[in-house]
Amino acid sequence: MNTGKKQRKFTPEFKLNAVLESYATGNASATAARHNLHITQLNNWKKQLLKEGEKAFLPARSRKNEDERKIEEYEKVIGRLTVQNEILKKTKELLT
């Protein structure tokens, strides 16, 4: 069933500004009406911001890149620790 309405796309900045405005004014209903949003949409964005923090409105692609960066960082740490462990094992063998 097509109602003829086109789904609107909102930028991360718009979402964040709407959420912050609703907190600043203390009136989510008025903020939603001012931006021609449904109150449920605004409340969902508020929940998303509280749950995910600064990453809440980033595109999934950006989140993935950050996760990949963290994984690479952890892999480097694991690699360094593995090398250090091998060095300690060899040193122990030489001393005993």
N, C-alpha and C. Protein backbone atom coordinates (compact mmCIF):
# COMPACT_ATOMS: atom_id res chain seq x y z
N MET A 1 0.85 -1.18 0.00
CA MET A 1 0.00 0.00 0.00
C MET A 1 0.89 1.24 0.00
N ASN A 2 0.79 2.03 -1.02
CA ASN A 2 1.61 3.23 -1.15
C ASN A 2 0.74 4.45 -0.87
N THR A 3 1.11 5.19 0.16
CA THR A 3 0.31 6.37 0.53
C THR A 3 0.75 7.60 -0.23
N GLY A 4 1.77 7.46 -1.06
CA GLY A 4 2.25 8.60 -1.83
C GLY A 4 3.22 9.48 -1.08
N LYS A 5 3.48 9.17 0.16
CA LYS A 5 4.42 9.97 0.94
C LYS A 5 5.83 9.43 0.74
N LYS A 6 6.76 10.33 0.54
CA LYS A 6 8.15 9.96 0.38
C LYS A 6 8.80 9.99 1.76
N GLN A 7 9.57 8.94 2.06
CA GLN A 7 10.25 8.89 3.35
C GLN A 7 11.31 9.98 3.40
N ARG A 8 11.28 10.75 4.47
CA ARG A 8 12.24 11.83 4.63
C ARG A 8 13.55 11.29 5.18
N LYS A 9 14.64 11.89 4.76
CA LYS A 9 15.97 11.54 5.26
C LYS A 9 16.46 12.70 6.11
N PHE A 10 17.00 12.39 7.26
CA PHE A 10 17.48 13.42 8.18
C PHE A 10 18.98 13.27 8.37
N THR A 11 19.67 14.38 8.38
CA THR A 11 21.11 14.35 8.61
C THR A 11 21.38 14.10 10.09
N PRO A 12 22.56 13.59 10.40
CA PRO A 12 22.92 13.41 11.81
C PRO A 12 22.86 14.73 12.58
N GLU A 13 23.24 15.83 11.94
CA GLU A 13 23.21 17.13 12.60
C GLU A 13 21.79 17.54 12.95
N PHE A 14 20.86 17.29 12.01
CA PHE A 14 19.46 17.63 12.25
C PHE A 14 18.92 16.84 13.43
N LYS A 15 19.20 15.54 13.45
CA LYS A 15 18.72 14.68 14.53
C LYS A 15 19.25 15.16 15.89
N LEU A 16 20.56 15.42 15.93
CA LEU A 16 21.16 15.86 17.18
C LEU A 16 20.59 17.20 17.62
N ASN A 17 20.44 18.14 16.69
CA ASN A 17 19.89 19.45 17.05
C ASN A 17 18.46 19.34 17.54
N ALA A 18 17.66 18.49 16.92
CA ALA A 18 16.27 18.31 17.36
C ALA A 18 16.22 17.73 18.77
N VAL A 19 17.06 16.73 19.01
CA VAL A 19 17.09 16.11 20.34
C VAL A 19 17.56 17.12 21.39
N LEU A 20 18.62 17.84 21.09
CA LEU A 20 19.13 18.83 22.05
C LEU A 20 18.12 19.94 22.30
N GLU A 21 17.43 20.36 21.25
CA GLU A 21 16.39 21.39 21.42
C GLU A 21 15.28 20.89 22.33
N SER A 22 14.89 19.62 22.16
CA SER A 22 13.81 19.09 23.00
C SER A 22 14.23 19.04 24.46
N TYR A 23 15.51 18.73 24.71
CA TYR A 23 16.00 18.75 26.09
C TYR A 23 16.09 20.18 26.61
N ALA A 24 16.58 21.09 25.79
CA ALA A 24 16.76 22.48 26.22
C ALA A 24 15.43 23.15 26.54
N THR A 25 14.42 22.90 25.70
CA THR A 25 13.12 23.53 25.93
C THR A 25 12.28 22.77 26.94
N GLY A 26 12.61 21.49 27.12
CA GLY A 26 11.82 20.67 28.02
C GLY A 26 10.47 20.29 27.43
N ASN A 27 10.29 20.52 26.13
CA ASN A 27 9.00 20.24 25.50
C ASN A 27 9.23 19.51 24.19
N ALA A 28 9.24 18.18 24.28
CA ALA A 28 9.49 17.36 23.09
C ALA A 28 8.36 17.51 22.08
N SER A 29 7.13 17.64 22.55
CA SER A 29 5.99 17.77 21.63
C SER A 29 6.11 19.02 20.77
N ALA A 30 6.46 20.13 21.39
CA ALA A 30 6.60 21.38 20.65
C ALA A 30 7.77 21.30 19.67
N THR A 31 8.86 20.68 20.10
CA THR A 31 10.02 20.53 19.22
C THR A 31 9.66 19.66 18.02
N ALA A 32 8.97 18.56 18.27
CA ALA A 32 8.56 17.69 17.17
C ALA A 32 7.65 18.43 16.20
N ALA A 33 6.71 19.18 16.71
CA ALA A 33 5.79 19.92 15.85
C ALA A 33 6.53 20.99 15.05
N ARG A 34 7.46 21.67 15.70
CA ARG A 34 8.21 22.73 15.01
C ARG A 34 9.02 22.18 13.84
N HIS A 35 9.50 20.96 13.97
CA HIS A 35 10.32 20.36 12.92
C HIS A 35 9.51 19.40 12.03
N ASN A 36 8.20 19.39 12.23
CA ASN A 36 7.31 18.53 11.45
C ASN A 36 7.70 17.05 11.59
N LEU A 37 7.94 16.66 12.83
CA LEU A 37 8.29 15.28 13.16
C LEU A 37 7.18 14.66 13.98
N HIS A 38 7.10 13.36 13.96
CA HIS A 38 6.21 12.67 14.88
C HIS A 38 6.95 12.56 16.20
N ILE A 39 6.23 12.72 17.29
CA ILE A 39 6.84 12.68 18.62
C ILE A 39 7.57 11.36 18.86
N THR A 40 7.04 10.27 18.31
CA THR A 40 7.69 8.97 18.47
C THR A 40 9.07 8.96 17.83
N GLN A 41 9.19 9.60 16.66
CA GLN A 41 10.49 9.66 16.00
C GLN A 41 11.50 10.42 16.86
N LEU A 42 11.09 11.54 17.38
CA LEU A 42 11.98 12.33 18.23
C LEU A 42 12.37 11.54 19.48
N ASN A 43 11.41 10.87 20.09
CA ASN A 43 11.72 10.06 21.28
C ASN A 43 12.67 8.91 20.95
N ASN A 44 12.51 8.32 19.76
CA ASN A 44 13.44 7.26 19.35
C ASN A 44 14.85 7.80 19.21
N TRP A 45 14.97 9.00 18.64
CA TRP A 45 16.30 9.61 18.51
C TRP A 45 16.88 9.91 19.88
N LYS A 46 16.06 10.34 20.83
CA LYS A 46 16.55 10.61 22.18
C LYS A 46 17.08 9.33 22.83
N LYS A 47 16.32 8.24 22.69
CA LYS A 47 16.75 6.95 23.24
C LYS A 47 18.06 6.50 22.59
N GLN A 48 18.15 6.68 21.27
CA GLN A 48 19.33 6.29 20.53
C GLN A 48 20.56 7.07 21.03
N LEU A 49 20.38 8.36 21.25
CA LEU A 49 21.49 9.19 21.74
C LEU A 49 21.92 8.75 23.13
N LEU A 50 20.97 8.47 24.00
CA LEU A 50 21.31 8.03 25.35
C LEU A 50 22.01 6.68 25.34
N LYS A 51 21.59 5.80 24.45
CA LYS A 51 22.15 4.45 24.39
C LYS A 51 23.54 4.43 23.75
N GLU A 52 23.71 5.16 22.64
CA GLU A 52 24.92 5.05 21.85
C GLU A 52 25.87 6.23 21.96
N GLY A 53 25.45 7.30 22.62
CA GLY A 53 26.32 8.45 22.79
C GLY A 53 26.67 9.11 21.48
N GLU A 54 27.91 9.55 21.36
CA GLU A 54 28.33 10.34 20.21
C GLU A 54 28.23 9.60 18.88
N LYS A 55 28.18 8.26 18.91
CA LYS A 55 28.10 7.49 17.68
C LYS A 55 26.66 7.29 17.21
N ALA A 56 25.71 7.80 17.96
CA ALA A 56 24.30 7.51 17.71
C ALA A 56 23.85 7.81 16.29
N PHE A 57 24.25 8.92 15.75
CA PHE A 57 23.71 9.33 14.47
C PHE A 57 24.71 9.19 13.32
N LEU A 58 25.80 8.51 13.58
CA LEU A 58 26.76 8.26 12.51
C LEU A 58 26.21 7.20 11.57
N PRO A 59 26.52 7.29 10.30
CA PRO A 59 26.10 6.23 9.39
C PRO A 59 26.74 4.91 9.80
N ALA A 60 26.09 3.81 9.50
CA ALA A 60 26.61 2.49 9.87
C ALA A 60 28.02 2.30 9.33
N ARG A 61 28.30 2.85 8.17
CA ARG A 61 29.61 2.74 7.54
C ARG A 61 30.68 3.36 8.46
N SER A 62 30.39 4.50 9.06
CA SER A 62 31.35 5.16 9.95
C SER A 62 31.56 4.36 11.22
N ARG A 63 30.50 3.79 11.73
CA ARG A 63 30.61 2.97 12.93
C ARG A 63 31.51 1.78 12.66
N LYS A 64 31.33 1.16 11.49
CA LYS A 64 32.13 0.00 11.13
C LYS A 64 33.59 0.38 11.04
N ASN A 65 33.89 1.50 10.43
CA ASN A 65 35.27 1.94 10.32
C ASN A 65 35.91 2.12 11.68
N GLU A 66 35.16 2.67 12.61
CA GLU A 66 35.70 2.86 13.96
C GLU A 66 35.92 1.52 14.64
N ASP A 67 34.99 0.60 14.47
CA ASP A 67 35.14 -0.74 15.04
C ASP A 67 36.35 -1.45 14.44
N GLU A 68 36.52 -1.32 13.12
CA GLU A 68 37.68 -1.94 12.47
C GLU A 68 38.98 -1.34 12.98
N ARG A 69 38.98 -0.03 13.22
CA ARG A 69 40.18 0.63 13.74
C ARG A 69 40.52 0.08 15.13
N LYS A 70 39.51 -0.11 15.96
CA LYS A 70 39.74 -0.64 17.31
C LYS A 70 40.27 -2.07 17.23
N ILE A 71 39.70 -2.87 16.33
CA ILE A 71 40.16 -4.25 16.18
C ILE A 71 41.62 -4.27 15.75
N GLU A 72 41.99 -3.42 14.79
CA GLU A 72 43.39 -3.35 14.36
C GLU A 72 44.30 -2.97 15.51
N GLU A 73 43.85 -2.02 16.31
CA GLU A 73 44.65 -1.58 17.47
C GLU A 73 44.84 -2.74 18.45
N TYR A 74 43.77 -3.48 18.72
CA TYR A 74 43.86 -4.62 19.64
C TYR A 74 44.76 -5.72 19.07
N GLU A 75 44.68 -5.93 17.77
CA GLU A 75 45.54 -6.94 17.14
C GLU A 75 47.01 -6.56 17.27
N LYS A 76 47.32 -5.27 17.15
CA LYS A 76 48.70 -4.81 17.33
C LYS A 76 49.17 -5.07 18.76
N VAL A 77 48.31 -4.78 19.72
CA VAL A 77 48.67 -5.01 21.13
C VAL A 77 48.91 -6.49 21.37
N ILE A 78 48.04 -7.33 20.83
CA ILE A 78 48.19 -8.78 21.00
C ILE A 78 49.50 -9.23 20.36
N GLY A 79 49.82 -8.69 19.19
CA GLY A 79 51.07 -9.04 18.53
C GLY A 79 52.29 -8.66 19.37
N ARG A 80 52.29 -7.45 19.93
CA ARG A 80 53.41 -7.02 20.78
C ARG A 80 53.53 -7.91 22.01
N LEU A 81 52.40 -8.23 22.62
CA LEU A 81 52.44 -9.08 23.81
C LEU A 81 52.93 -10.48 23.49
N THR A 82 52.57 -10.99 22.33
CA THR A 82 53.03 -12.30 21.91
C THR A 82 54.55 -12.31 21.73
N VAL A 83 55.08 -11.27 21.09
CA VAL A 83 56.53 -11.16 20.89
C VAL A 83 57.22 -11.05 22.25
N GLN A 84 56.69 -10.21 23.13
CA GLN A 84 57.29 -10.06 24.46
C GLN A 84 57.27 -11.39 25.21
N ASN A 85 56.21 -12.12 25.09
CA ASN A 85 56.08 -13.41 25.76
C ASN A 85 57.14 -14.39 25.24
N GLU A 86 57.33 -14.42 23.94
CA GLU A 86 58.35 -15.30 23.35
C GLU A 86 59.75 -14.91 23.82
N ILE A 87 60.01 -13.62 23.88
CA ILE A 87 61.32 -13.15 24.36
C ILE A 87 61.53 -13.59 25.80
N LEU A 88 60.52 -13.46 26.64
CA LEU A 88 60.65 -13.87 28.04
C LEU A 88 60.87 -15.37 28.16
N LYS A 89 60.20 -16.15 27.31
CA LYS A 89 60.38 -17.60 27.34
C LYS A 89 61.82 -17.97 26.97
N LYS A 90 62.34 -17.34 25.93
CA LYS A 90 63.72 -17.63 25.50
C LYS A 90 64.73 -17.18 26.56
N THR A 91 64.47 -16.03 27.17
CA THR A 91 65.36 -15.54 28.22
C THR A 91 65.36 -16.51 29.40
N LYS A 92 64.20 -17.02 29.75
CA LYS A 92 64.10 -17.98 30.86
C LYS A 92 64.87 -19.24 30.53
N GLU A 93 64.77 -19.72 29.28
CA GLU A 93 65.50 -20.91 28.86
C GLU A 93 67.01 -20.70 28.96
N LEU A 94 67.46 -19.52 28.58
CA LEU A 94 68.89 -19.24 28.62
C LEU A 94 69.41 -19.14 30.06
N LEU A 95 68.58 -18.65 30.95
CA LEU A 95 69.01 -18.47 32.34
C LEU A 95 68.92 -19.75 33.16
N THR A 96 68.18 -20.73 32.69
CA THR A 96 68.06 -21.97 33.48
C THR A 96 68.91 -23.08 32.93
